[in-house]
Amino acid sequence: MAVLDGVNLLVSADGTTYGCLTNNSIDFTSDMLDSTCKDSEGYKTFLPGEKNATITADLLYNYDATEGVAEAFADLKAGTEISWKWGDFDTSGGGYWYGNGYISNLTINAPKNEVANASITIQVTGEVGTTTFT
């Protein structure tokens, strides 16, 4: 069983990690094309279509972070394509996914008597690559 507690998210070409992450996830999907016909004997049938991936990063709003909410907003505003890595790339034997994407959503929260936080969504564009350390 894999332990993913050490999973990190790197964004940008210079390999900067989002500061003060509290949670991050990557979601892979495949469109399902309806291939049902009269010969399907009353049951729907499907074929896989185009693939998609979305990354979400939740973090505390750290004003001093090298890569954080302010940079995410600038990338969203400018429509900047970013490079990303998601996985266990800090240990020998780890592996990760990588690719490019655009920030499609940025939500900033400032709850009473709590640390300000944010959620960033990256819409992956193009093919996702994967690698493992040897």
C-alpha atoms as a PDB file:
ATOM      1  CA  MET A   1       0.000   0.000   0.000  1.00  0.00           C
ATOM      2  CA  ALA A   2       1.372   3.428  -0.939  1.00  0.00           C
ATOM      3  CA  VAL A   3       1.619   6.111   1.712  1.00  0.00           C
ATOM      4  CA  LEU A   4       0.937   9.451   0.065  1.00  0.00           C
ATOM      5  CA  ASP A   5       1.403  11.755   3.058  1.00  0.00           C
ATOM      6  CA  GLY A   6       4.587  13.140   1.524  1.00  0.00           C
ATOM      7  CA  VAL A   7       2.970  13.951  -1.822  1.00  0.00           C
ATOM      8  CA  ASN A   8       3.954  17.394  -3.077  1.00  0.00           C
ATOM      9  CA  LEU A   9       2.858  19.695  -5.859  1.00  0.00           C
ATOM     10  CA  LEU A  10       5.433  21.699  -7.796  1.00  0.00           C
ATOM     11  CA  VAL A  11       4.365  24.431 -10.180  1.00  0.00           C
ATOM     12  CA  SER A  12       6.191  26.700 -12.623  1.00  0.00           C
ATOM     13  CA  ALA A  13       9.269  26.119 -14.725  1.00  0.00           C
ATOM     14  CA  ASP A  14      11.673  26.832 -11.874  1.00  0.00           C
ATOM     15  CA  GLY A  15      10.397  23.930  -9.734  1.00  0.00           C
ATOM     16  CA  THR A  16       8.915  25.985  -6.903  1.00  0.00           C
ATOM     17  CA  THR A  17       6.574  24.256  -4.446  1.00  0.00           C
ATOM     18  CA  TYR A  18       3.324  25.951  -3.437  1.00  0.00           C
ATOM     19  CA  GLY A  19       3.944  27.201   0.104  1.00  0.00           C
ATOM     20  CA  CYS A  20       2.067  25.935   3.173  1.00  0.00           C
ATOM     21  CA  LEU A  21       0.045  23.186   1.446  1.00  0.00           C
ATOM     22  CA  THR A  22      -2.601  21.521   3.601  1.00  0.00           C
ATOM     23  CA  ASN A  23      -4.050  19.208   0.942  1.00  0.00           C
ATOM     24  CA  ASN A  24      -3.633  18.496  -2.756  1.00  0.00           C
ATOM     25  CA  SER A  25      -5.282  16.093  -5.141  1.00  0.00           C
ATOM     26  CA  ILE A  26      -5.196  15.044  -8.771  1.00  0.00           C
ATOM     27  CA  ASP A  27      -8.301  13.757 -10.524  1.00  0.00           C
ATOM     28  CA  PHE A  28      -8.105  11.719 -13.751  1.00  0.00           C
ATOM     29  CA  THR A  29     -11.230  11.204 -15.868  1.00  0.00           C
ATOM     30  CA  SER A  30     -12.175   9.655 -19.181  1.00  0.00           C
ATOM     31  CA  ASP A  31     -15.214  10.691 -21.219  1.00  0.00           C
ATOM     32  CA  MET A  32     -17.510   7.732 -21.775  1.00  0.00           C
ATOM     33  CA  LEU A  33     -18.975   7.539 -25.275  1.00  0.00           C
ATOM     34  CA  ASP A  34     -22.388   5.910 -25.481  1.00  0.00           C
ATOM     35  CA  SER A  35     -22.088   3.000 -27.950  1.00  0.00           C
ATOM     36  CA  THR A  36     -25.520   1.545 -27.222  1.00  0.00           C
ATOM     37  CA  CYS A  37     -27.397   0.169 -30.221  1.00  0.00           C
ATOM     38  CA  LYS A  38     -30.391  -2.057 -30.816  1.00  0.00           C
ATOM     39  CA  ASP A  39     -28.136  -5.109 -30.525  1.00  0.00           C
ATOM     40  CA  SER A  40     -27.097  -4.162 -26.946  1.00  0.00           C
ATOM     41  CA  GLU A  41     -29.835  -6.414 -25.475  1.00  0.00           C
ATOM     42  CA  GLY A  42     -31.323  -3.740 -23.191  1.00  0.00           C
ATOM     43  CA  TYR A  43     -28.055  -2.679 -21.553  1.00  0.00           C
ATOM     44  CA  LYS A  44     -26.115   0.466 -22.318  1.00  0.00           C
ATOM     45  CA  THR A  45     -22.577   0.053 -23.633  1.00  0.00           C
ATOM     46  CA  PHE A  46     -19.739   2.563 -23.541  1.00  0.00           C
ATOM     47  CA  LEU A  47     -16.306   3.191 -25.016  1.00  0.00           C
ATOM     48  CA  PRO A  48     -13.607   5.380 -23.453  1.00  0.00           C
ATOM     49  CA  GLY A  49     -13.072   8.746 -25.112  1.00  0.00           C
ATOM     50  CA  GLU A  50     -10.875  11.723 -24.322  1.00  0.00           C
ATOM     51  CA  LYS A  51      -8.943  11.847 -21.056  1.00  0.00           C
ATOM     52  CA  ASN A  52      -8.754  14.755 -18.618  1.00  0.00           C
ATOM     53  CA  ALA A  53      -7.000  15.690 -15.377  1.00  0.00           C
ATOM     54  CA  THR A  54      -7.569  18.389 -12.774  1.00  0.00           C
ATOM     55  CA  ILE A  55      -5.343  19.295  -9.827  1.00  0.00           C
ATOM     56  CA  THR A  56      -6.537  20.977  -6.637  1.00  0.00           C
ATOM     57  CA  ALA A  57      -4.206  22.497  -4.052  1.00  0.00           C
ATOM     58  CA  ASP A  58      -5.398  23.785  -0.677  1.00  0.00           C
ATOM     59  CA  LEU A  59      -2.972  25.990   1.213  1.00  0.00           C
ATOM     60  CA  LEU A  60      -2.722  28.472   4.020  1.00  0.00           C
ATOM     61  CA  TYR A  61      -2.372  32.036   2.813  1.00  0.00           C
ATOM     62  CA  ASN A  62       1.325  32.602   3.452  1.00  0.00           C
ATOM     63  CA  TYR A  63       2.376  36.100   2.359  1.00  0.00           C
ATOM     64  CA  ASP A  64       6.046  35.098   2.379  1.00  0.00           C
ATOM     65  CA  ALA A  65       5.670  31.984   0.182  1.00  0.00           C
ATOM     66  CA  THR A  66       7.854  31.983  -2.924  1.00  0.00           C
ATOM     67  CA  GLU A  67       4.974  30.472  -4.899  1.00  0.00           C
ATOM     68  CA  GLY A  68       1.552  31.049  -3.419  1.00  0.00           C
ATOM     69  CA  VAL A  69      -1.754  32.845  -3.750  1.00  0.00           C
ATOM     70  CA  ALA A  70      -0.388  36.074  -5.265  1.00  0.00           C
ATOM     71  CA  GLU A  71       1.526  34.152  -7.956  1.00  0.00           C
ATOM     72  CA  ALA A  72      -1.481  31.911  -8.645  1.00  0.00           C
ATOM     73  CA  PHE A  73      -3.656  35.005  -9.153  1.00  0.00           C
ATOM     74  CA  ALA A  74      -1.085  36.532 -11.515  1.00  0.00           C
ATOM     75  CA  ASP A  75      -0.953  33.274 -13.531  1.00  0.00           C
ATOM     76  CA  LEU A  76      -4.766  33.086 -13.664  1.00  0.00           C
ATOM     77  CA  LYS A  77      -5.098  36.748 -14.697  1.00  0.00           C
ATOM     78  CA  ALA A  78      -2.436  36.488 -17.421  1.00  0.00           C
ATOM     79  CA  GLY A  79      -3.562  33.062 -18.676  1.00  0.00           C
ATOM     80  CA  THR A  80      -0.045  31.756 -18.087  1.00  0.00           C
ATOM     81  CA  GLU A  81       0.570  28.095 -18.887  1.00  0.00           C
ATOM     82  CA  ILE A  82       2.340  26.485 -15.952  1.00  0.00           C
ATOM     83  CA  SER A  83       4.356  23.299 -15.615  1.00  0.00           C
ATOM     84  CA  TRP A  84       3.483  21.002 -12.721  1.00  0.00           C
ATOM     85  CA  LYS A  85       4.636  17.832 -10.974  1.00  0.00           C
ATOM     86  CA  TRP A  86       2.425  15.904  -8.545  1.00  0.00           C
ATOM     87  CA  GLY A  87       3.702  13.024  -6.459  1.00  0.00           C
ATOM     88  CA  ASP A  88       6.493  11.739  -4.305  1.00  0.00           C
ATOM     89  CA  PHE A  89       9.562  13.306  -5.909  1.00  0.00           C
ATOM     90  CA  ASP A  90      11.540  13.966  -2.724  1.00  0.00           C
ATOM     91  CA  THR A  91      12.448  10.347  -1.942  1.00  0.00           C
ATOM     92  CA  SER A  92      14.329   7.578  -3.667  1.00  0.00           C
ATOM     93  CA  GLY A  93      11.921   5.110  -5.208  1.00  0.00           C
ATOM     94  CA  GLY A  94       9.122   7.676  -5.441  1.00  0.00           C
ATOM     95  CA  GLY A  95       7.251   8.588  -8.564  1.00  0.00           C
ATOM     96  CA  TYR A  96       5.236  11.445  -9.946  1.00  0.00           C
ATOM     97  CA  TRP A  97       2.981  12.699 -12.715  1.00  0.00           C
ATOM     98  CA  TYR A  98       3.901  15.807 -14.699  1.00  0.00           C
ATOM     99  CA  GLY A  99       2.512  18.068 -17.372  1.00  0.00           C
ATOM    100  CA  ASN A 100       1.212  21.532 -18.167  1.00  0.00           C
ATOM    101  CA  GLY A 101      -1.954  23.383 -17.305  1.00  0.00           C
ATOM    102  CA  TYR A 102      -3.706  26.616 -16.515  1.00  0.00           C
ATOM    103  CA  ILE A 103      -5.097  27.905 -13.243  1.00  0.00           C
ATOM    104  CA  SER A 104      -8.856  27.759 -13.779  1.00  0.00           C
ATOM    105  CA  ASN A 105     -10.017  28.656 -10.265  1.00  0.00           C
ATOM    106  CA  LEU A 106      -8.672  30.485  -7.231  1.00  0.00           C
ATOM    107  CA  THR A 107     -10.742  30.760  -4.052  1.00  0.00           C
ATOM    108  CA  ILE A 108      -9.425  32.773  -1.113  1.00  0.00           C
ATOM    109  CA  ASN A 109     -11.065  32.383   2.311  1.00  0.00           C
ATOM    110  CA  ALA A 110     -10.624  34.641   5.335  1.00  0.00           C
ATOM    111  CA  PRO A 111     -12.671  33.030   8.144  1.00  0.00           C
ATOM    112  CA  LYS A 112     -13.090  34.726  11.522  1.00  0.00           C
ATOM    113  CA  ASN A 113     -10.482  33.665  14.072  1.00  0.00           C
ATOM    114  CA  GLU A 114      -8.747  31.284  11.637  1.00  0.00           C
ATOM    115  CA  VAL A 115      -5.790  31.446   9.282  1.00  0.00           C
ATOM    116  CA  ALA A 116      -6.653  32.726   5.814  1.00  0.00           C
ATOM    117  CA  ASN A 117      -6.498  29.957   3.227  1.00  0.00           C
ATOM    118  CA  ALA A 118      -6.926  29.358  -0.469  1.00  0.00           C
ATOM    119  CA  SER A 119      -7.832  26.676  -2.957  1.00  0.00           C
ATOM    120  CA  ILE A 120      -6.236  26.596  -6.419  1.00  0.00           C
ATOM    121  CA  THR A 121      -7.507  24.478  -9.327  1.00  0.00           C
ATOM    122  CA  ILE A 122      -5.235  23.655 -12.261  1.00  0.00           C
ATOM    123  CA  GLN A 123      -6.876  22.458 -15.473  1.00  0.00           C
ATOM    124  CA  VAL A 124      -4.366  20.107 -17.079  1.00  0.00           C
ATOM    125  CA  THR A 125      -3.855  20.574 -20.797  1.00  0.00           C
ATOM    126  CA  GLY A 126      -2.354  17.917 -23.046  1.00  0.00           C
ATOM    127  CA  GLU A 127      -0.988  14.528 -22.122  1.00  0.00           C
ATOM    128  CA  VAL A 128       0.052  13.651 -18.566  1.00  0.00           C
ATOM    129  CA  GLY A 129       3.452  12.010 -18.198  1.00  0.00           C
ATOM    130  CA  THR A 130       4.614   9.754 -15.388  1.00  0.00           C
ATOM    131  CA  THR A 131       7.996   8.705 -14.024  1.00  0.00           C
ATOM    132  CA  THR A 132       9.507   6.797 -11.133  1.00  0.00           C
ATOM    133  CA  PHE A 133      12.904   7.015  -9.503  1.00  0.00           C
ATOM    134  CA  THR A 134      15.163   3.993  -9.770  1.00  0.00           C
END
